[in-house]
All heavy atoms as atom14 arrays in JSON, in Angstrom:
{
  "sequence": "NWGSIGLFQFDLVAWIFGGQDALLSRIVYTVVALSAVWCISLLFRDTT",
  "atom14_mask": [
    [1, 1, 1, 1, 1, 1, 1, 1, 0, 0, 0, 0, 0, 0],
    [1, 1, 1, 1, 1, 1, 1, 1, 1, 1, 1, 1, 1, 1],
    [1, 1, 1, 1, 0, 0, 0, 0, 0, 0, 0, 0, 0, 0],
    [1, 1, 1, 1, 1, 1, 0, 0, 0, 0, 0, 0, 0, 0],
    [1, 1, 1, 1, 1, 1, 1, 1, 0, 0, 0, 0, 0, 0],
    [1, 1, 1, 1, 0, 0, 0, 0, 0, 0, 0, 0, 0, 0],
    [1, 1, 1, 1, 1, 1, 1, 1, 0, 0, 0, 0, 0, 0],
    [1, 1, 1, 1, 1, 1, 1, 1, 1, 1, 1, 0, 0, 0],
    [1, 1, 1, 1, 1, 1, 1, 1, 1, 0, 0, 0, 0, 0],
    [1, 1, 1, 1, 1, 1, 1, 1, 1, 1, 1, 0, 0, 0],
    [1, 1, 1, 1, 1, 1, 1, 1, 0, 0, 0, 0, 0, 0],
    [1, 1, 1, 1, 1, 1, 1, 1, 0, 0, 0, 0, 0, 0],
    [1, 1, 1, 1, 1, 1, 1, 0, 0, 0, 0, 0, 0, 0],
    [1, 1, 1, 1, 1, 0, 0, 0, 0, 0, 0, 0, 0, 0],
    [1, 1, 1, 1, 1, 1, 1, 1, 1, 1, 1, 1, 1, 1],
    [1, 1, 1, 1, 1, 1, 1, 1, 0, 0, 0, 0, 0, 0],
    [1, 1, 1, 1, 1, 1, 1, 1, 1, 1, 1, 0, 0, 0],
    [1, 1, 1, 1, 0, 0, 0, 0, 0, 0, 0, 0, 0, 0],
    [1, 1, 1, 1, 0, 0, 0, 0, 0, 0, 0, 0, 0, 0],
    [1, 1, 1, 1, 1, 1, 1, 1, 1, 0, 0, 0, 0, 0],
    [1, 1, 1, 1, 1, 1, 1, 1, 0, 0, 0, 0, 0, 0],
    [1, 1, 1, 1, 1, 0, 0, 0, 0, 0, 0, 0, 0, 0],
    [1, 1, 1, 1, 1, 1, 1, 1, 0, 0, 0, 0, 0, 0],
    [1, 1, 1, 1, 1, 1, 1, 1, 0, 0, 0, 0, 0, 0],
    [1, 1, 1, 1, 1, 1, 0, 0, 0, 0, 0, 0, 0, 0],
    [1, 1, 1, 1, 1, 1, 1, 1, 1, 1, 1, 0, 0, 0],
    [1, 1, 1, 1, 1, 1, 1, 1, 0, 0, 0, 0, 0, 0],
    [1, 1, 1, 1, 1, 1, 1, 0, 0, 0, 0, 0, 0, 0],
    [1, 1, 1, 1, 1, 1, 1, 1, 1, 1, 1, 1, 0, 0],
    [1, 1, 1, 1, 1, 1, 1, 0, 0, 0, 0, 0, 0, 0],
    [1, 1, 1, 1, 1, 1, 1, 0, 0, 0, 0, 0, 0, 0],
    [1, 1, 1, 1, 1, 1, 1, 0, 0, 0, 0, 0, 0, 0],
    [1, 1, 1, 1, 1, 0, 0, 0, 0, 0, 0, 0, 0, 0],
    [1, 1, 1, 1, 1, 1, 1, 1, 0, 0, 0, 0, 0, 0],
    [1, 1, 1, 1, 1, 1, 0, 0, 0, 0, 0, 0, 0, 0],
    [1, 1, 1, 1, 1, 0, 0, 0, 0, 0, 0, 0, 0, 0],
    [1, 1, 1, 1, 1, 1, 1, 0, 0, 0, 0, 0, 0, 0],
    [1, 1, 1, 1, 1, 1, 1, 1, 1, 1, 1, 1, 1, 1],
    [1, 1, 1, 1, 1, 1, 0, 0, 0, 0, 0, 0, 0, 0],
    [1, 1, 1, 1, 1, 1, 1, 1, 0, 0, 0, 0, 0, 0],
    [1, 1, 1, 1, 1, 1, 0, 0, 0, 0, 0, 0, 0, 0],
    [1, 1, 1, 1, 1, 1, 1, 1, 0, 0, 0, 0, 0, 0],
    [1, 1, 1, 1, 1, 1, 1, 1, 0, 0, 0, 0, 0, 0],
    [1, 1, 1, 1, 1, 1, 1, 1, 1, 1, 1, 0, 0, 0],
    [1, 1, 1, 1, 1, 1, 1, 1, 1, 1, 1, 0, 0, 0],
    [1, 1, 1, 1, 1, 1, 1, 1, 0, 0, 0, 0, 0, 0],
    [1, 1, 1, 1, 1, 1, 1, 0, 0, 0, 0, 0, 0, 0],
    [1, 1, 1, 1, 1, 1, 1, 0, 0, 0, 0, 0, 0, 0]
  ],
  "atom14_positions": [
    [[68.54, 51.39, -63.91], [69.64, 52.29, -63.38], [70.93, 52.08, -64.21], [71.58, 53.07, -64.57], [69.91, 52.04, -61.91], [70.78, 53.04, -61.28], [70.57, 54.19, -61.37], [71.87, 52.57, -60.66], [0.0, 0.0, 0.0], [0.0, 0.0, 0.0], [0.0, 0.0, 0.0], [0.0, 0.0, 0.0], [0.0, 0.0, 0.0], [0.0, 0.0, 0.0]],
    [[71.29, 50.82, -64.51], [72.47, 50.58, -65.28], [72.33, 51.16, -66.68], [73.28, 51.65, -67.27], [72.79, 49.1, -65.33], [73.63, 48.66, -64.18], [73.22, 47.89, -63.1], [74.96, 48.98, -63.93], [74.28, 47.73, -62.24], [75.39, 48.37, -62.73], [75.92, 49.72, -64.65], [76.64, 48.51, -62.22], [77.22, 49.85, -64.1], [77.54, 49.24, -62.9]],
    [[71.12, 51.03, -67.21], [70.85, 51.65, -68.55], [71.02, 53.15, -68.53], [71.63, 53.74, -69.45], [0.0, 0.0, 0.0], [0.0, 0.0, 0.0], [0.0, 0.0, 0.0], [0.0, 0.0, 0.0], [0.0, 0.0, 0.0], [0.0, 0.0, 0.0], [0.0, 0.0, 0.0], [0.0, 0.0, 0.0], [0.0, 0.0, 0.0], [0.0, 0.0, 0.0]],
    [[70.55, 53.78, -67.45], [70.78, 55.25, -67.37], [72.24, 55.61, -67.17], [72.68, 56.65, -67.71], [69.89, 55.82, -66.22], [70.43, 55.51, -64.98], [0.0, 0.0, 0.0], [0.0, 0.0, 0.0], [0.0, 0.0, 0.0], [0.0, 0.0, 0.0], [0.0, 0.0, 0.0], [0.0, 0.0, 0.0], [0.0, 0.0, 0.0], [0.0, 0.0, 0.0]],
    [[72.99, 54.76, -66.51], [74.42, 55.0, -66.38], [75.08, 54.82, -67.74], [75.94, 55.65, -68.13], [75.08, 54.04, -65.38], [74.58, 54.38, -63.97], [76.58, 54.11, -65.4], [74.93, 53.38, -62.89], [0.0, 0.0, 0.0], [0.0, 0.0, 0.0], [0.0, 0.0, 0.0], [0.0, 0.0, 0.0], [0.0, 0.0, 0.0], [0.0, 0.0, 0.0]],
    [[74.76, 53.78, -68.49], [75.41, 53.48, -69.73], [75.05, 54.51, -70.84], [75.84, 54.93, -71.6], [0.0, 0.0, 0.0], [0.0, 0.0, 0.0], [0.0, 0.0, 0.0], [0.0, 0.0, 0.0], [0.0, 0.0, 0.0], [0.0, 0.0, 0.0], [0.0, 0.0, 0.0], [0.0, 0.0, 0.0], [0.0, 0.0, 0.0], [0.0, 0.0, 0.0]],
    [[73.77, 54.96, -70.84], [73.3, 55.89, -71.92], [73.59, 57.36, -71.58], [73.96, 58.08, -72.45], [71.85, 55.67, -72.16], [71.42, 54.32, -72.77], [69.92, 54.17, -72.82], [72.04, 54.18, -74.17], [0.0, 0.0, 0.0], [0.0, 0.0, 0.0], [0.0, 0.0, 0.0], [0.0, 0.0, 0.0], [0.0, 0.0, 0.0], [0.0, 0.0, 0.0]],
    [[73.39, 57.69, -70.35], [73.42, 59.12, -69.96], [74.51, 59.5, -68.9], [74.56, 60.62, -68.5], [72.07, 59.55, -69.43], [70.93, 59.19, -70.38], [69.98, 58.23, -69.97], [70.79, 59.7, -71.62], [68.92, 57.89, -70.81], [69.74, 59.4, -72.49], [68.84, 58.45, -72.08], [0.0, 0.0, 0.0], [0.0, 0.0, 0.0], [0.0, 0.0, 0.0]],
    [[75.27, 58.45, -68.43], [76.18, 58.67, -67.39], [75.55, 59.3, -66.16], [76.08, 60.21, -65.52], [77.39, 59.53, -67.82], [78.21, 58.88, -68.9], [79.32, 59.75, -69.38], [79.44, 60.88, -68.97], [80.22, 59.13, -70.11], [0.0, 0.0, 0.0], [0.0, 0.0, 0.0], [0.0, 0.0, 0.0], [0.0, 0.0, 0.0], [0.0, 0.0, 0.0]],
    [[74.34, 58.8, -65.87], [73.54, 59.36, -64.73], [73.09, 58.17, -63.83], [72.4, 57.24, -64.29], [72.29, 60.06, -65.28], [71.42, 60.62, -64.19], [71.84, 61.69, -63.42], [70.22, 60.05, -63.89], [71.05, 62.22, -62.4], [69.38, 60.56, -62.89], [69.82, 61.64, -62.12], [0.0, 0.0, 0.0], [0.0, 0.0, 0.0], [0.0, 0.0, 0.0]],
    [[73.56, 58.17, -62.59], [73.23, 57.13, -61.66], [72.08, 57.59, -60.81], [72.18, 58.41, -59.93], [74.47, 56.8, -60.75], [74.25, 55.6, -59.84], [73.08, 55.14, -59.69], [75.24, 55.16, -59.27], [0.0, 0.0, 0.0], [0.0, 0.0, 0.0], [0.0, 0.0, 0.0], [0.0, 0.0, 0.0], [0.0, 0.0, 0.0], [0.0, 0.0, 0.0]],
    [[70.86, 57.04, -61.16], [69.64, 57.48, -60.5], [69.6, 57.17, -59.04], [69.16, 57.97, -58.17], [68.46, 56.84, -61.25], [67.03, 57.22, -60.75], [66.81, 58.71, -61.0], [66.0, 56.41, -61.48], [0.0, 0.0, 0.0], [0.0, 0.0, 0.0], [0.0, 0.0, 0.0], [0.0, 0.0, 0.0], [0.0, 0.0, 0.0], [0.0, 0.0, 0.0]],
    [[70.08, 55.95, -58.66], [70.09, 55.61, -57.29], [71.0, 56.54, -56.41], [70.63, 57.03, -55.38], [70.6, 54.13, -57.08], [70.82, 53.76, -55.64], [69.58, 53.15, -57.75], [0.0, 0.0, 0.0], [0.0, 0.0, 0.0], [0.0, 0.0, 0.0], [0.0, 0.0, 0.0], [0.0, 0.0, 0.0], [0.0, 0.0, 0.0], [0.0, 0.0, 0.0]],
    [[72.2, 56.83, -56.96], [73.08, 57.72, -56.28], [72.51, 59.14, -56.21], [72.64, 59.81, -55.17], [74.43, 57.75, -57.03], [0.0, 0.0, 0.0], [0.0, 0.0, 0.0], [0.0, 0.0, 0.0], [0.0, 0.0, 0.0], [0.0, 0.0, 0.0], [0.0, 0.0, 0.0], [0.0, 0.0, 0.0], [0.0, 0.0, 0.0], [0.0, 0.0, 0.0]],
    [[71.8, 59.55, -57.25], [71.16, 60.87, -57.23], [70.08, 61.0, -56.19], [69.98, 61.96, -55.47], [70.62, 61.19, -58.62], [69.95, 62.52, -58.72], [70.59, 63.75, -58.72], [68.57, 62.74, -58.86], [69.59, 64.7, -58.89], [68.38, 64.15, -58.93], [67.5, 61.94, -58.89], [67.13, 64.74, -59.07], [66.18, 62.51, -59.03], [66.08, 63.88, -59.09]],
    [[69.27, 59.92, -56.07], [68.19, 59.94, -55.12], [68.67, 59.84, -53.65], [68.2, 60.56, -52.79], [67.19, 58.76, -55.37], [66.42, 58.97, -56.73], [66.18, 58.56, -54.22], [65.65, 57.81, -57.14], [0.0, 0.0, 0.0], [0.0, 0.0, 0.0], [0.0, 0.0, 0.0], [0.0, 0.0, 0.0], [0.0, 0.0, 0.0], [0.0, 0.0, 0.0]],
    [[69.68, 59.03, -53.41], [70.13, 58.76, -52.08], [71.39, 59.47, -51.61], [71.99, 59.14, -50.59], [70.26, 57.26, -51.84], [68.94, 56.54, -51.98], [68.73, 55.67, -53.03], [67.96, 56.67, -51.01], [67.51, 55.02, -53.14], [66.75, 56.04, -51.14], [66.5, 55.19, -52.19], [0.0, 0.0, 0.0], [0.0, 0.0, 0.0], [0.0, 0.0, 0.0]],
    [[71.93, 60.37, -52.44], [73.0, 61.21, -51.98], [74.4, 60.77, -52.35], [75.34, 60.99, -51.62], [0.0, 0.0, 0.0], [0.0, 0.0, 0.0], [0.0, 0.0, 0.0], [0.0, 0.0, 0.0], [0.0, 0.0, 0.0], [0.0, 0.0, 0.0], [0.0, 0.0, 0.0], [0.0, 0.0, 0.0], [0.0, 0.0, 0.0], [0.0, 0.0, 0.0]],
    [[74.55, 60.14, -53.48], [75.9, 59.72, -53.96], [76.15, 58.26, -53.81], [75.43, 57.58, -53.04], [0.0, 0.0, 0.0], [0.0, 0.0, 0.0], [0.0, 0.0, 0.0], [0.0, 0.0, 0.0], [0.0, 0.0, 0.0], [0.0, 0.0, 0.0], [0.0, 0.0, 0.0], [0.0, 0.0, 0.0], [0.0, 0.0, 0.0], [0.0, 0.0, 0.0]],
    [[77.16, 57.74, -54.56], [77.43, 56.33, -54.55], [77.93, 55.86, -53.21], [77.79, 54.68, -52.87], [78.39, 55.96, -55.65], [77.85, 56.06, -57.0], [78.88, 55.59, -58.09], [80.07, 55.63, -57.83], [78.34, 55.25, -59.23], [0.0, 0.0, 0.0], [0.0, 0.0, 0.0], [0.0, 0.0, 0.0], [0.0, 0.0, 0.0], [0.0, 0.0, 0.0]],
    [[78.58, 56.73, -52.49], [79.17, 56.3, -51.16], [78.17, 56.46, -50.02], [78.53, 56.05, -48.9], [80.39, 57.16, -50.89], [81.54, 56.84, -51.86], [81.55, 55.73, -52.39], [82.38, 57.74, -52.09], [0.0, 0.0, 0.0], [0.0, 0.0, 0.0], [0.0, 0.0, 0.0], [0.0, 0.0, 0.0], [0.0, 0.0, 0.0], [0.0, 0.0, 0.0]],
    [[77.0, 56.99, -50.29], [75.99, 57.2, -49.21], [75.51, 55.81, -48.73], [75.39, 54.82, -49.54], [74.83, 58.05, -49.68], [0.0, 0.0, 0.0], [0.0, 0.0, 0.0], [0.0, 0.0, 0.0], [0.0, 0.0, 0.0], [0.0, 0.0, 0.0], [0.0, 0.0, 0.0], [0.0, 0.0, 0.0], [0.0, 0.0, 0.0], [0.0, 0.0, 0.0]],
    [[75.23, 55.67, -47.47], [74.79, 54.4, -46.88], [73.53, 53.86, -47.58], [73.48, 52.65, -47.92], [74.58, 54.57, -45.39], [74.12, 53.33, -44.62], [75.19, 52.21, -44.72], [73.79, 53.63, -43.22], [0.0, 0.0, 0.0], [0.0, 0.0, 0.0], [0.0, 0.0, 0.0], [0.0, 0.0, 0.0], [0.0, 0.0, 0.0], [0.0, 0.0, 0.0]],
    [[72.58, 54.74, -47.81], [71.34, 54.25, -48.44], [71.57, 53.72, -49.85], [70.97, 52.73, -50.29], [70.26, 55.36, -48.48], [69.65, 55.67, -47.11], [68.68, 56.82, -47.2], [68.88, 54.42, -46.56], [0.0, 0.0, 0.0], [0.0, 0.0, 0.0], [0.0, 0.0, 0.0], [0.0, 0.0, 0.0], [0.0, 0.0, 0.0], [0.0, 0.0, 0.0]],
    [[72.46, 54.42, -50.61], [72.79, 53.95, -51.94], [73.42, 52.59, -51.9], [73.08, 51.69, -52.68], [73.74, 54.93, -52.64], [73.1, 56.17, -52.9], [0.0, 0.0, 0.0], [0.0, 0.0, 0.0], [0.0, 0.0, 0.0], [0.0, 0.0, 0.0], [0.0, 0.0, 0.0], [0.0, 0.0, 0.0], [0.0, 0.0, 0.0], [0.0, 0.0, 0.0]],
    [[74.35, 52.39, -50.96], [75.03, 51.1, -50.84], [74.07, 50.0, -50.48], [74.18, 48.85, -50.89], [76.16, 51.25, -49.85], [77.3, 52.2, -50.42], [78.41, 52.33, -49.47], [78.99, 51.0, -49.2], [80.0, 50.82, -48.42], [80.54, 51.82, -47.76], [80.47, 49.6, -48.25], [0.0, 0.0, 0.0], [0.0, 0.0, 0.0], [0.0, 0.0, 0.0]],
    [[73.08, 50.33, -49.6], [72.07, 49.37, -49.26], [71.22, 48.96, -50.45], [71.01, 47.78, -50.68], [71.14, 49.95, -48.12], [71.96, 50.0, -46.82], [69.93, 49.05, -47.95], [71.23, 50.74, -45.7], [0.0, 0.0, 0.0], [0.0, 0.0, 0.0], [0.0, 0.0, 0.0], [0.0, 0.0, 0.0], [0.0, 0.0, 0.0], [0.0, 0.0, 0.0]],
    [[70.84, 49.93, -51.27], [70.05, 49.64, -52.47], [70.86, 48.79, -53.42], [70.35, 47.78, -53.96], [69.58, 50.93, -53.17], [68.99, 50.65, -54.52], [68.58, 51.67, -52.32], [0.0, 0.0, 0.0], [0.0, 0.0, 0.0], [0.0, 0.0, 0.0], [0.0, 0.0, 0.0], [0.0, 0.0, 0.0], [0.0, 0.0, 0.0], [0.0, 0.0, 0.0]],
    [[72.1, 49.14, -53.65], [73.03, 48.31, -54.54], [73.14, 46.87, -53.99], [73.09, 45.91, -54.79], [74.4, 48.95, -54.69], [74.45, 50.31, -55.27], [75.26, 51.26, -54.77], [73.64, 50.62, -56.36], [75.38, 52.53, -55.32], [73.69, 51.88, -56.96], [74.57, 52.83, -56.46], [74.6, 54.09, -57.01], [0.0, 0.0, 0.0], [0.0, 0.0, 0.0]],
    [[73.23, 46.73, -52.69], [73.34, 45.39, -52.12], [72.1, 44.6, -52.23], [72.17, 43.38, -52.57], [73.82, 45.55, -50.63], [75.05, 46.29, -50.52], [74.02, 44.19, -49.99], [0.0, 0.0, 0.0], [0.0, 0.0, 0.0], [0.0, 0.0, 0.0], [0.0, 0.0, 0.0], [0.0, 0.0, 0.0], [0.0, 0.0, 0.0], [0.0, 0.0, 0.0]],
    [[70.98, 45.23, -52.01], [69.7, 44.5, -52.12], [69.47, 44.07, -53.55], [68.97, 42.97, -53.81], [68.53, 45.38, -51.57], [67.18, 44.8, -51.92], [68.69, 45.55, -50.09], [0.0, 0.0, 0.0], [0.0, 0.0, 0.0], [0.0, 0.0, 0.0], [0.0, 0.0, 0.0], [0.0, 0.0, 0.0], [0.0, 0.0, 0.0], [0.0, 0.0, 0.0]],
    [[69.78, 44.92, -54.5], [69.63, 44.54, -55.91], [70.58, 43.39, -56.24], [70.23, 42.42, -56.94], [69.9, 45.73, -56.86], [70.0, 45.31, -58.31], [68.81, 46.78, -56.67], [0.0, 0.0, 0.0], [0.0, 0.0, 0.0], [0.0, 0.0, 0.0], [0.0, 0.0, 0.0], [0.0, 0.0, 0.0], [0.0, 0.0, 0.0], [0.0, 0.0, 0.0]],
    [[71.8, 43.41, -55.75], [72.72, 42.28, -55.94], [72.26, 41.01, -55.34], [72.33, 39.92, -55.98], [74.11, 42.67, -55.4], [0.0, 0.0, 0.0], [0.0, 0.0, 0.0], [0.0, 0.0, 0.0], [0.0, 0.0, 0.0], [0.0, 0.0, 0.0], [0.0, 0.0, 0.0], [0.0, 0.0, 0.0], [0.0, 0.0, 0.0], [0.0, 0.0, 0.0]],
    [[71.68, 41.08, -54.14], [71.09, 39.91, -53.49], [69.93, 39.35, -54.31], [69.7, 38.13, -54.39], [70.7, 40.18, -52.07], [71.85, 40.39, -51.07], [71.27, 40.83, -49.76], [72.71, 39.13, -50.95], [0.0, 0.0, 0.0], [0.0, 0.0, 0.0], [0.0, 0.0, 0.0], [0.0, 0.0, 0.0], [0.0, 0.0, 0.0], [0.0, 0.0, 0.0]],
    [[69.14, 40.27, -54.87], [68.02, 39.83, -55.73], [68.55, 39.09, -56.93], [67.93, 38.12, -57.39], [67.21, 41.08, -56.18], [66.63, 41.7, -55.04], [0.0, 0.0, 0.0], [0.0, 0.0, 0.0], [0.0, 0.0, 0.0], [0.0, 0.0, 0.0], [0.0, 0.0, 0.0], [0.0, 0.0, 0.0], [0.0, 0.0, 0.0], [0.0, 0.0, 0.0]],
    [[69.64, 39.57, -57.5], [70.22, 38.91, -58.69], [70.65, 37.5, -58.31], [70.43, 36.53, -59.05], [71.37, 39.71, -59.22], [0.0, 0.0, 0.0], [0.0, 0.0, 0.0], [0.0, 0.0, 0.0], [0.0, 0.0, 0.0], [0.0, 0.0, 0.0], [0.0, 0.0, 0.0], [0.0, 0.0, 0.0], [0.0, 0.0, 0.0], [0.0, 0.0, 0.0]],
    [[71.29, 37.34, -57.13], [71.69, 36.01, -56.69], [70.49, 35.11, -56.53], [70.49, 33.92, -56.97], [72.51, 36.12, -55.41], [72.79, 34.79, -54.82], [73.82, 36.85, -55.67], [0.0, 0.0, 0.0], [0.0, 0.0, 0.0], [0.0, 0.0, 0.0], [0.0, 0.0, 0.0], [0.0, 0.0, 0.0], [0.0, 0.0, 0.0], [0.0, 0.0, 0.0]],
    [[69.45, 35.63, -55.93], [68.19, 34.87, -55.78], [67.62, 34.42, -57.1], [67.15, 33.32, -57.28], [67.16, 35.67, -54.97], [65.87, 34.9, -54.8], [64.8, 35.06, -55.6], [65.58, 33.91, -53.87], [63.79, 34.21, -55.19], [64.26, 33.45, -54.15], [66.31, 33.3, -52.87], [63.64, 32.47, -53.37], [65.66, 32.33, -52.14], [64.41, 31.93, -52.36]],
    [[67.63, 35.34, -58.1], [67.02, 35.04, -59.39], [67.78, 34.08, -60.2], [67.28, 33.49, -61.19], [66.81, 36.34, -60.16], [65.47, 37.31, -59.55], [0.0, 0.0, 0.0], [0.0, 0.0, 0.0], [0.0, 0.0, 0.0], [0.0, 0.0, 0.0], [0.0, 0.0, 0.0], [0.0, 0.0, 0.0], [0.0, 0.0, 0.0], [0.0, 0.0, 0.0]],
    [[69.01, 33.76, -59.82], [69.77, 32.68, -60.47], [69.01, 31.42, -60.3], [68.95, 30.55, -61.22], [71.22, 32.62, -59.92], [72.06, 33.8, -60.33], [71.9, 31.29, -60.37], [73.4, 33.92, -59.61], [0.0, 0.0, 0.0], [0.0, 0.0, 0.0], [0.0, 0.0, 0.0], [0.0, 0.0, 0.0], [0.0, 0.0, 0.0], [0.0, 0.0, 0.0]],
    [[68.37, 31.19, -59.15], [67.63, 30.0, -58.92], [66.46, 29.83, -59.88], [65.99, 28.74, -60.13], [67.16, 29.92, -57.44], [66.12, 30.9, -57.27], [0.0, 0.0, 0.0], [0.0, 0.0, 0.0], [0.0, 0.0, 0.0], [0.0, 0.0, 0.0], [0.0, 0.0, 0.0], [0.0, 0.0, 0.0], [0.0, 0.0, 0.0], [0.0, 0.0, 0.0]],
    [[65.9, 30.96, -60.37], [64.8, 30.89, -61.39], [65.25, 30.13, -62.67], [64.37, 29.49, -63.32], [64.33, 32.23, -61.72], [63.7, 33.08, -60.59], [63.37, 34.48, -61.1], [62.51, 32.41, -60.02], [0.0, 0.0, 0.0], [0.0, 0.0, 0.0], [0.0, 0.0, 0.0], [0.0, 0.0, 0.0], [0.0, 0.0, 0.0], [0.0, 0.0, 0.0]],
    [[66.49, 30.21, -62.98], [66.96, 29.52, -64.19], [66.9, 28.01, -64.1], [66.79, 27.28, -65.06], [68.38, 29.91, -64.5], [68.62, 31.36, -64.9], [70.15, 31.67, -64.96], [67.94, 31.68, -66.19], [0.0, 0.0, 0.0], [0.0, 0.0, 0.0], [0.0, 0.0, 0.0], [0.0, 0.0, 0.0], [0.0, 0.0, 0.0], [0.0, 0.0, 0.0]],
    [[66.97, 27.48, -62.89], [67.06, 26.05, -62.64], [65.74, 25.44, -62.09], [65.74, 24.26, -61.77], [68.21, 25.76, -61.69], [69.52, 26.24, -62.24], [70.08, 27.42, -61.72], [70.14, 25.6, -63.28], [71.29, 27.89, -62.22], [71.3, 26.11, -63.82], [71.92, 27.23, -63.28], [0.0, 0.0, 0.0], [0.0, 0.0, 0.0], [0.0, 0.0, 0.0]],
    [[64.7, 26.19, -62.0], [63.47, 25.74, -61.48], [62.56, 25.18, -62.55], [62.56, 25.74, -63.7], [62.67, 26.81, -60.77], [63.29, 27.21, -59.45], [62.33, 28.02, -58.7], [63.04, 28.96, -57.86], [62.51, 30.04, -57.31], [61.27, 30.34, -57.53], [63.24, 30.79, -56.54], [0.0, 0.0, 0.0], [0.0, 0.0, 0.0], [0.0, 0.0, 0.0]],
    [[61.78, 24.12, -62.25], [60.77, 23.64, -63.17], [59.49, 24.45, -62.91], [58.89, 24.33, -61.81], [60.51, 22.16, -62.92], [59.49, 21.58, -63.89], [59.19, 22.21, -64.94], [58.98, 20.52, -63.59], [0.0, 0.0, 0.0], [0.0, 0.0, 0.0], [0.0, 0.0, 0.0], [0.0, 0.0, 0.0], [0.0, 0.0, 0.0], [0.0, 0.0, 0.0]],
    [[59.14, 25.29, -63.84], [58.02, 26.18, -63.61], [56.65, 25.68, -64.14], [55.68, 26.36, -63.99], [58.29, 27.56, -64.27], [58.48, 27.36, -65.64], [59.49, 28.21, -63.62], [0.0, 0.0, 0.0], [0.0, 0.0, 0.0], [0.0, 0.0, 0.0], [0.0, 0.0, 0.0], [0.0, 0.0, 0.0], [0.0, 0.0, 0.0], [0.0, 0.0, 0.0]],
    [[56.64, 24.49, -64.7], [55.39, 23.94, -65.2], [54.58, 23.41, -63.99], [55.12, 22.86, -63.1], [55.62, 22.82, -66.22], [56.37, 21.8, -65.61], [56.28, 23.34, -67.44], [0.0, 0.0, 0.0], [0.0, 0.0, 0.0], [0.0, 0.0, 0.0], [0.0, 0.0, 0.0], [0.0, 0.0, 0.0], [0.0, 0.0, 0.0], [0.0, 0.0, 0.0]]
  ]
}
C-alpha cells in the first residue's frame, strides 16, 4: 500500500474502505501498525 502511495499517489486501503478517515481504513492502518510493533520482536529472537 505504501508503495502504491509513493509510486502512484493511490491509497489502496482508503480506496477499498471509503477514504482515509473511514473507520474501516483506520482499523486496517492500526492493525498493520500493531503488526509492525510485533515484528520488531522478530529481530531479537533466536530462530535456530
